[in-house]
C-alpha cells in the first residue's frame, strides 16, 4: 500500500486492503451525494461546491499525512512513484475531462460510483469512457507526438517553484482555507442561504484559524532527515557520541571464518563498490539510511551491522544517523576502507617484527592471499544477480 517503515502492511495484504479501501471510498462518495450529477456539476454553476471541498480536503489530508510520516521516518518518500509530467497532454486531457464533466455530469470516479447504485446515465458515461480509452489506444500512433510533448520529467511543484516542501504545504493549506471561505460566500449569494452542514460558521472559522496556526508551527520543526544530516556534520556532536568499533583484523577474520552474524553496509561510491566489494556487503547511500529497504536489514536481530566508508570520520557520520534512528548493533570499520586495504588487502610484511606482532603479521599475510579470492568470487556472484534482476517501473 505504501513504502512504510517498518512494513506495517505486507505485500500479501496489499490487494485485500486495496479492495477494502476502494469499497469504503465508494461508500463515502455515495453518502456524500457524489452519485448525483446535479450535485457534481453545481461546482461549475456556482450553487454547490461540495466537490471542491471534498477532493481538496482529501488531497490536503494525504499531503499532510505523507509529510508527517516522512518527518518521523515512518514512510520512505524516496520510494513513492512520481508520475512523469507531459505538460501538453496534461492540459489537453484536463480540458477534455472538464468538458466531459460539465456535459455528462460525472468524472471517471464518480461515474463508477453512480453506476454501482443503478444510475442509468452513469452507466452510459462509463460506457463512453471505455470507448474513449479504446479510441485513444487504437489511434495512439496519431496522438503520440502530442502525448509525449513537453516532457518535464518526474517533477514536484515545490521543486519547480524553488521552495521547501513545508512551505509549499502551508501555502496550499492556506489557499484551500481561503477557497472554502470564498466558495461559501458564493453559495450564499447564489442560493440565498448557507448550507446547513456548514453551520455554525464560527466553528468553521475557528477551525480554519487553528489549521493555519498548526501550519505555521510546522516551520519551527526542521525535517528530521535534514536535521540528522546536519547534526552528523557537527564535529562536537560526533565527538560526544559513543560508537562501537571493529578493526581491520577482526573484520578480516570474520570474513575468512564466514561469520554469519555480520552484515556489511558499504557507503562508498557505486563505482568504488563495483571495483572492490567485500563478501557479505551491500552498497548504500546516506539517503538510504532513512529508507525502507535498508530497514529490513538493519532491523534483523542478532546481527552485527558493520558500516564501511572510505575513512573512519565518514563512517561515524553514518553510524550516528543509524543510532539516532533507533538501530542497534552498529559497528564502524576502524580507519575505514582505506586502512583495511593497507593493513589487510595490500599488506606488506615489515622486515622486522616483535613477538607480539608476529602472530598479527602472519594472519594479515594469510588474509591478503585468501580475501582477494573471496572478493573475486563475490564479484562474480553479484554480476550474475544483476543479470537476473529486472527493474520494474510504473505508476498510476
Protein backbone atom coordinates (compact mmCIF):
# COMPACT_ATOMS: atom_id res chain seq x y z
CA UNK A 1 0.00 0.00 0.00
CA UNK A 2 2.84 2.38 0.78
CA UNK A 3 6.59 2.25 1.49
CA UNK A 4 6.03 2.29 5.24
CA UNK A 5 8.97 1.87 7.62
CA UNK A 6 8.70 -0.69 9.11
CA UNK A 7 6.42 -2.84 6.93
CA UNK A 8 3.07 -2.41 8.66
CA UNK A 9 1.21 -3.80 5.65
CA UNK A 10 2.89 -6.75 3.94
CA UNK A 11 2.83 -7.37 0.21
CA UNK A 12 0.42 -10.27 0.67
CA UNK A 13 -2.23 -7.97 2.17
CA UNK A 14 -1.87 -5.17 -0.36
CA UNK A 15 -4.70 -6.24 -2.67
CA UNK A 16 -7.02 -7.13 0.22
CA UNK A 17 -6.51 -3.73 1.87
CA UNK A 18 -6.89 -2.01 -1.51
CA UNK A 19 -10.29 -3.66 -2.07
CA UNK A 20 -11.46 -2.65 1.42
CA UNK A 21 -10.31 0.95 0.91
CA UNK A 22 -11.96 1.04 -2.53
CA UNK A 23 -15.30 -0.13 -1.13
CA UNK A 24 -15.08 2.38 1.73
CA UNK A 25 -14.18 5.18 -0.68
CA UNK A 26 -17.13 4.37 -2.95
CA UNK A 27 -19.49 4.23 0.03
CA UNK A 28 -18.34 7.64 1.26
CA UNK A 29 -18.71 9.14 -2.22
CA UNK A 30 -22.26 7.85 -2.49
CA UNK A 31 -23.19 9.04 1.01
CA UNK A 32 -21.76 12.50 0.19
CA UNK A 33 -24.11 12.70 -2.77
CA UNK A 34 -21.46 12.22 -5.43
CA UNK A 35 -23.62 9.73 -7.30
CA UNK A 36 -25.92 12.64 -8.27
CA UNK A 37 -24.85 14.58 -11.35
CA UNK A 38 -26.77 17.67 -10.23
CA UNK A 39 -24.60 17.96 -7.12
CA UNK A 40 -21.41 17.38 -9.07
CA UNK A 41 -21.97 19.99 -11.78
CA UNK A 42 -23.04 22.51 -9.13
CA UNK A 43 -19.33 23.37 -8.95
CA UNK A 44 -19.47 24.84 -12.47
CA UNK A 45 -22.74 26.69 -11.94
CA UNK A 46 -21.79 28.14 -8.57
CA UNK A 47 -24.56 26.73 -6.37
CA UNK A 48 -22.76 23.76 -4.77
CA UNK A 49 -19.00 23.49 -4.10
CA UNK A 50 -19.07 20.15 -2.28
CA UNK A 51 -16.84 18.60 -4.96
CA UNK A 52 -14.14 21.21 -4.41
CA UNK A 53 -14.30 20.85 -0.61
CA UNK A 54 -14.21 17.05 -0.56
CA UNK A 55 -11.43 16.49 -3.10
CA UNK A 56 -9.35 19.45 -1.92
CA UNK A 57 -9.65 18.21 1.66
CA UNK A 58 -8.78 14.66 0.57
CA UNK A 59 -5.66 15.86 -1.24
CA UNK A 60 -4.57 18.04 1.68
CA UNK A 61 -5.09 15.20 4.16
CA UNK A 62 -2.97 12.86 2.05
CA UNK A 63 -0.27 15.53 1.60
CA UNK A 64 -0.04 16.38 5.31
CA UNK A 65 -0.13 12.69 6.25
CA UNK A 66 2.75 11.87 3.88
CA UNK A 67 4.82 14.79 5.20
CA UNK A 68 4.24 13.80 8.85
CA UNK A 69 5.03 10.11 8.24
CA UNK A 70 8.14 11.09 6.29
CA UNK A 71 9.24 13.51 9.03
CA UNK A 72 9.18 10.76 11.66
CA UNK A 73 10.84 8.21 9.40
CA UNK A 74 7.71 6.04 9.07
CA UNK A 75 7.40 6.49 5.31
CA UNK A 76 10.18 6.19 2.73
CA UNK A 77 9.44 9.18 0.49
CA UNK A 78 12.16 8.14 -1.96
CA UNK A 79 10.12 5.06 -2.92
CA UNK A 80 6.94 6.98 -3.77
CA UNK A 81 6.49 6.96 -7.53
CA UNK A 82 6.05 10.40 -9.10
CA UNK A 83 4.29 10.34 -12.46
CA UNK A 84 6.33 11.98 -15.24
CA UNK A 85 4.81 15.25 -16.45
CA UNK A 86 3.99 15.78 -20.14
CA UNK A 87 2.59 19.28 -19.98
CA UNK A 88 0.67 19.48 -23.28
CA UNK A 89 -1.02 16.11 -22.96
CA UNK A 90 -1.91 17.03 -19.35
CA UNK A 91 -3.50 20.32 -20.45
CA UNK A 92 -5.36 18.66 -23.31
CA UNK A 93 -6.55 15.81 -21.11
CA UNK A 94 -7.68 18.24 -18.42
CA UNK A 95 -9.75 20.21 -20.92
CA UNK A 96 -11.35 17.03 -22.30
CA UNK A 97 -12.15 15.75 -18.80
CA UNK A 98 -13.53 19.13 -17.71
CA UNK A 99 -15.79 19.33 -20.77
CA UNK A 100 -16.93 15.76 -20.18
CA UNK A 101 -17.62 16.59 -16.54
CA UNK A 102 -19.90 19.51 -17.47
CA UNK A 103 -21.73 17.68 -20.26
CA UNK A 104 -22.05 14.26 -18.65
CA UNK A 105 -22.30 15.34 -15.01
CA UNK A 106 -19.69 12.87 -13.80
CA UNK A 107 -15.94 12.38 -13.57
CA UNK A 108 -14.45 8.89 -14.07
CA UNK A 109 -14.51 8.00 -10.35
CA UNK A 110 -17.99 9.32 -9.52
CA UNK A 111 -19.44 7.74 -12.68
CA UNK A 112 -18.44 4.28 -11.46
CA UNK A 113 -19.88 5.10 -8.03
CA UNK A 114 -23.20 6.20 -9.56
CA UNK A 115 -23.29 3.23 -11.93
CA UNK A 116 -22.83 0.91 -8.94
CA UNK A 117 -26.06 2.23 -7.38
CA UNK A 118 -28.02 1.82 -10.61
CA UNK A 119 -27.88 5.26 -12.27
CA UNK A 120 -28.50 4.69 -15.98
CA UNK A 121 -26.89 7.96 -17.09
CA UNK A 122 -23.73 7.00 -15.17
CA UNK A 123 -23.68 3.61 -16.91
CA UNK A 124 -23.80 5.38 -20.27
CA UNK A 125 -20.99 7.69 -19.09
CA UNK A 126 -18.84 4.68 -18.10
CA UNK A 127 -19.50 3.13 -21.50
CA UNK A 128 -18.42 6.36 -23.17
CA UNK A 129 -15.23 6.33 -21.07
CA UNK A 130 -14.37 2.85 -22.37
CA UNK A 131 -14.99 4.00 -25.94
CA UNK A 132 -12.66 6.96 -25.34
CA UNK A 133 -9.95 4.67 -23.97
CA UNK A 134 -10.37 2.35 -26.98
CA UNK A 135 -10.21 5.26 -29.43
CA UNK A 136 -7.02 6.58 -27.80
CA UNK A 137 -5.38 3.13 -27.77
CA UNK A 138 -6.19 2.45 -31.42
CA UNK A 139 -5.24 5.96 -32.54
CA UNK A 140 -2.11 6.20 -30.38
CA UNK A 141 0.32 6.50 -33.34
CA UNK A 142 -1.60 9.61 -34.38
CA UNK A 143 -1.62 11.08 -30.84
CA UNK A 144 1.89 10.00 -29.83
CA UNK A 145 3.64 13.30 -30.62
CA UNK A 146 1.10 15.28 -28.59
CA UNK A 147 1.15 12.70 -25.80
CA UNK A 148 4.91 12.98 -25.36
CA UNK A 149 5.22 16.72 -25.99
CA UNK A 150 6.52 18.96 -23.21
CA UNK A 151 8.23 16.23 -21.17
CA UNK A 152 9.22 17.78 -17.83
CA UNK A 153 10.23 14.57 -16.09
CA UNK A 154 9.27 13.45 -12.57
CA UNK A 155 8.87 16.96 -11.20
CA UNK A 156 7.29 18.16 -7.97
CA UNK A 157 5.71 21.61 -7.70
CA UNK A 158 7.75 22.75 -4.71
CA UNK A 159 10.99 21.82 -6.51
CA UNK A 160 9.84 23.65 -9.62
CA UNK A 161 8.91 26.72 -7.54
CA UNK A 162 12.23 26.60 -5.66
CA UNK A 163 10.67 26.35 -2.20
CA UNK A 164 10.74 23.85 0.64
CA UNK A 165 8.22 21.07 0.95
CA UNK A 166 6.94 22.50 4.25
CA UNK A 167 6.40 26.00 2.81
CA UNK A 168 4.51 24.60 -0.18
CA UNK A 169 2.30 22.51 2.12
CA UNK A 170 1.47 25.54 4.26
CA UNK A 171 0.67 27.71 1.23
CA UNK A 172 -1.59 25.01 -0.22
CA UNK A 173 -3.46 24.66 3.08
CA UNK A 174 -3.84 28.45 3.24
CA UNK A 175 -5.16 28.52 -0.35
CA UNK A 176 -7.62 25.74 0.49
CA UNK A 177 -8.97 27.54 3.57
CA UNK A 178 -9.32 30.75 1.54
CA UNK A 179 -11.09 28.87 -1.27
CA UNK A 180 -13.52 27.29 1.21
CA UNK A 181 -14.42 30.71 2.65
CA UNK A 182 -14.88 32.31 -0.79
CA UNK A 183 -16.97 29.44 -2.19
CA UNK A 184 -19.22 29.56 0.89
CA UNK A 185 -19.85 33.24 0.20
CA UNK A 186 -20.60 32.46 -3.48
CA UNK A 187 -23.05 29.73 -2.47
CA UNK A 188 -24.82 32.11 -0.09
CA UNK A 189 -25.14 34.74 -2.81
CA UNK A 190 -26.46 32.32 -5.46
CA UNK A 191 -28.71 30.22 -3.22
CA UNK A 192 -29.82 32.90 -0.78
CA UNK A 193 -28.81 30.75 2.18
CA UNK A 194 -25.86 28.84 3.65
CA UNK A 195 -25.82 25.05 3.58
CA UNK A 196 -26.92 23.75 6.99
CA UNK A 197 -23.92 21.40 7.01
CA UNK A 198 -21.62 24.42 7.22
CA UNK A 199 -23.29 25.89 10.30
CA UNK A 200 -22.35 27.26 12.76
CA UNK A 201 -19.94 29.38 10.72
CA UNK A 202 -17.99 30.50 13.80
CA UNK A 203 -16.92 26.90 14.38
CA UNK A 204 -15.53 26.56 10.86
CA UNK A 205 -13.81 29.93 11.02
CA UNK A 206 -12.21 28.83 14.30
CA UNK A 207 -11.07 25.54 12.77
CA UNK A 208 -9.60 27.44 9.83
CA UNK A 209 -7.56 29.65 12.15
CA UNK A 210 -6.34 26.58 14.08
CA UNK A 211 -5.32 24.90 10.79
CA UNK A 212 -3.28 27.93 9.78
CA UNK A 213 -1.61 28.14 13.22
CA UNK A 214 -0.68 24.45 13.06
CA UNK A 215 0.72 25.01 9.59
CA UNK A 216 2.83 27.92 10.81
CA UNK A 217 4.14 25.91 13.77
CA UNK A 218 5.48 23.29 11.37
CA UNK A 219 8.23 25.71 10.37
CA UNK A 220 9.61 25.52 13.92
CA UNK A 221 10.41 21.84 13.43
CA UNK A 222 13.05 21.06 10.80
CA UNK A 223 12.62 17.96 8.70
CA UNK A 224 14.06 15.04 10.64
CA UNK A 225 16.19 13.79 7.77
CA UNK A 226 17.76 17.21 7.20
CA UNK A 227 18.23 17.70 10.94
CA UNK A 228 20.09 14.41 11.38
CA UNK A 229 22.28 15.08 8.35
CA UNK A 230 23.15 18.48 9.75
CA UNK A 231 23.94 17.06 13.21
CA UNK A 232 26.12 14.35 11.68
CA UNK A 233 28.31 17.08 10.18
CA UNK A 234 28.77 18.75 13.58
CA UNK A 235 32.18 17.70 15.00
CA UNK A 236 31.12 18.47 18.58
CA UNK A 237 28.07 16.20 18.40
CA UNK A 238 30.09 13.38 16.82
CA UNK A 239 32.84 13.78 19.43
CA UNK A 240 30.31 13.33 22.27
CA UNK A 241 28.71 10.26 20.66
CA UNK A 242 29.81 6.74 21.52
CA UNK A 243 30.47 4.25 18.73
CA UNK A 244 31.28 0.55 18.58
CA UNK A 245 34.42 -0.04 16.52
CA UNK A 246 35.62 -3.07 14.57
CA UNK A 247 39.24 -3.05 13.42
CA UNK A 248 40.52 -4.41 10.12
CA UNK A 249 41.92 -7.61 11.66
CA UNK A 250 38.63 -8.57 13.31
CA UNK A 251 36.62 -7.91 10.14
CA UNK A 252 39.08 -9.91 8.04
CA UNK A 253 38.94 -12.80 10.49
CA UNK A 254 35.13 -12.82 10.47
CA UNK A 255 35.07 -12.82 6.67
CA UNK A 256 37.57 -15.67 6.40
CA UNK A 257 35.62 -17.57 9.06
CA UNK A 258 32.39 -17.00 7.10
CA UNK A 259 30.78 -15.46 10.17
CA UNK A 260 27.02 -15.46 9.55
CA UNK A 261 26.36 -12.94 12.32
CA UNK A 262 27.75 -9.93 10.41
CA UNK A 263 26.41 -7.90 7.51
CA UNK A 264 28.36 -5.09 5.91
CA UNK A 265 26.87 -1.81 4.74
CA UNK A 266 29.24 -0.19 2.27
CA UNK A 267 28.63 3.55 1.80
CA UNK A 268 31.33 4.23 -0.74
CA UNK A 269 30.53 5.41 -4.26
CA UNK A 270 28.90 2.87 -6.55
CA UNK A 271 31.93 2.77 -8.84
CA UNK A 272 34.27 2.04 -5.90
CA UNK A 273 31.96 -0.66 -4.63
CA UNK A 274 31.80 -2.37 -8.02
CA UNK A 275 35.56 -2.32 -8.28
CA UNK A 276 36.10 -3.74 -4.80
CA UNK A 277 33.29 -5.14 -2.66
CA UNK A 278 33.74 -7.35 0.37
CA UNK A 279 31.73 -10.54 0.88
CA UNK A 280 28.50 -10.04 2.89
CA UNK A 281 28.43 -6.40 1.80
CA UNK A 282 25.80 -4.29 0.03
CA UNK A 283 26.09 -0.79 -1.36
CA UNK A 284 24.06 2.11 0.07
CA UNK A 285 23.92 5.91 0.18
CA UNK A 286 23.29 8.20 3.15
CA UNK A 287 19.72 8.81 1.97
CA UNK A 288 19.11 5.06 2.01
CA UNK A 289 19.58 5.02 5.79
CA UNK A 290 16.20 6.73 6.11
CA UNK A 291 14.52 4.28 3.77
CA UNK A 292 12.50 1.11 3.89
CA UNK A 293 14.86 -1.28 2.09
CA UNK A 294 17.78 -0.84 4.47
CA UNK A 295 15.45 -1.06 7.46
CA UNK A 296 14.73 -4.70 6.70
CA UNK A 297 18.43 -5.50 7.01
CA UNK A 298 19.41 -3.19 9.86
CA UNK A 299 16.46 -4.34 11.97
CA UNK A 300 17.48 -8.01 11.73
CA UNK A 301 18.06 -9.34 15.23
CA UNK A 302 21.32 -10.83 16.47
CA UNK A 303 23.36 -9.34 13.65
CA UNK A 304 26.43 -7.11 13.81
CA UNK A 305 25.90 -4.27 11.33
CA UNK A 306 29.28 -3.05 10.09
CA UNK A 307 29.37 0.34 8.40
CA UNK A 308 32.13 0.91 5.86
CA UNK A 309 33.17 4.23 4.34
CA UNK A 310 36.45 5.32 2.82
CA UNK A 311 37.54 6.80 6.14
CA UNK A 312 36.51 6.49 9.77
CA UNK A 313 35.12 10.05 10.03
CA UNK A 314 32.55 9.41 7.30
CA UNK A 315 31.65 6.11 8.94
CA UNK A 316 30.93 7.90 12.23
CA UNK A 317 28.50 10.26 10.49
CA UNK A 318 26.56 7.33 9.09
CA UNK A 319 26.67 5.41 12.37
CA UNK A 320 25.38 8.49 14.23
CA UNK A 321 22.35 8.69 11.94
CA UNK A 322 21.68 4.96 12.23
CA UNK A 323 21.89 5.12 16.04
CA UNK A 324 19.57 8.14 16.17
CA UNK A 325 17.04 6.27 14.02
CA UNK A 326 16.95 3.56 16.67
CA UNK A 327 19.09 0.88 15.04
CA UNK A 328 21.29 -1.21 17.31
CA UNK A 329 24.48 -3.28 16.99
CA UNK A 330 26.06 -0.70 14.70
CA UNK A 331 29.82 -1.05 14.24
CA UNK A 332 32.23 1.22 12.35
CA UNK A 333 35.20 -0.16 10.46
CA UNK A 334 38.13 1.47 12.25
CA UNK A 335 40.12 3.58 9.80
CA UNK A 336 37.61 2.92 7.04
CA UNK A 337 38.22 1.04 3.82
CA UNK A 338 41.49 2.89 3.28
CA UNK A 339 43.01 1.34 6.39
CA UNK A 340 41.51 -2.08 5.58
CA UNK A 341 43.26 -2.02 2.21
CA UNK A 342 46.61 -1.03 3.72
CA UNK A 343 46.56 -3.45 6.65
CA UNK A 344 44.88 -6.44 5.02
CA UNK A 345 44.36 -6.49 1.25
CA UNK A 346 47.66 -4.85 0.25
CA UNK A 347 49.61 -5.90 3.33
CA UNK A 348 53.40 -5.88 3.07
CA UNK A 349 55.25 -7.60 5.87
CA UNK A 350 57.74 -5.34 7.66
CA UNK A 351 61.32 -6.53 7.68
CA UNK A 352 61.39 -6.53 11.46
CA UNK A 353 58.77 -7.67 13.93
CA UNK A 354 58.39 -8.39 17.63
CA UNK A 355 56.97 -11.46 19.35
CA UNK A 356 53.72 -9.52 19.94
CA UNK A 357 53.30 -8.54 16.29
CA UNK A 358 54.47 -11.85 14.80
CA UNK A 359 51.03 -13.53 15.01
CA UNK A 360 49.29 -10.43 13.66
CA UNK A 361 51.59 -10.26 10.67
CA UNK A 362 51.17 -13.97 9.99
CA UNK A 363 47.39 -13.55 9.96
CA UNK A 364 47.50 -10.47 7.72
CA UNK A 365 49.78 -12.26 5.28
CA UNK A 366 47.36 -15.15 5.08
CA UNK A 367 44.35 -12.81 4.77
CA UNK A 368 45.99 -10.82 1.96
CA UNK A 369 46.08 -14.02 -0.10
CA UNK A 370 42.69 -15.55 0.83
CA UNK A 371 40.46 -12.47 0.90
CA UNK A 372 41.07 -11.43 -2.74
CA UNK A 373 39.86 -14.89 -3.77
CA UNK A 374 36.66 -14.43 -1.76
CA UNK A 375 36.22 -10.91 -3.16
CA UNK A 376 36.58 -12.17 -6.73
CA UNK A 377 34.06 -14.96 -6.12
CA UNK A 378 31.68 -12.43 -4.57
CA UNK A 379 32.08 -10.13 -7.57
CA UNK A 380 31.10 -12.90 -9.99
CA UNK A 381 28.08 -13.73 -7.82
CA UNK A 382 26.97 -10.09 -7.82
CA UNK A 383 27.32 -9.83 -11.62
CA UNK A 384 25.12 -12.91 -12.04
CA UNK A 385 22.49 -11.44 -9.72
CA UNK A 386 22.45 -8.18 -11.71
CA UNK A 387 21.78 -10.09 -14.94
CA UNK A 388 18.85 -11.93 -13.38
CA UNK A 389 17.28 -8.83 -11.80
CA UNK A 390 14.77 -6.88 -13.87
CA UNK A 391 13.74 -3.42 -12.74
CA UNK A 392 10.04 -2.70 -12.86
CA UNK A 393 8.94 0.91 -13.27
CA UNK A 394 5.35 2.08 -13.28
CA UNK A 395 2.71 4.16 -11.66
CA UNK A 396 -0.83 5.37 -11.99
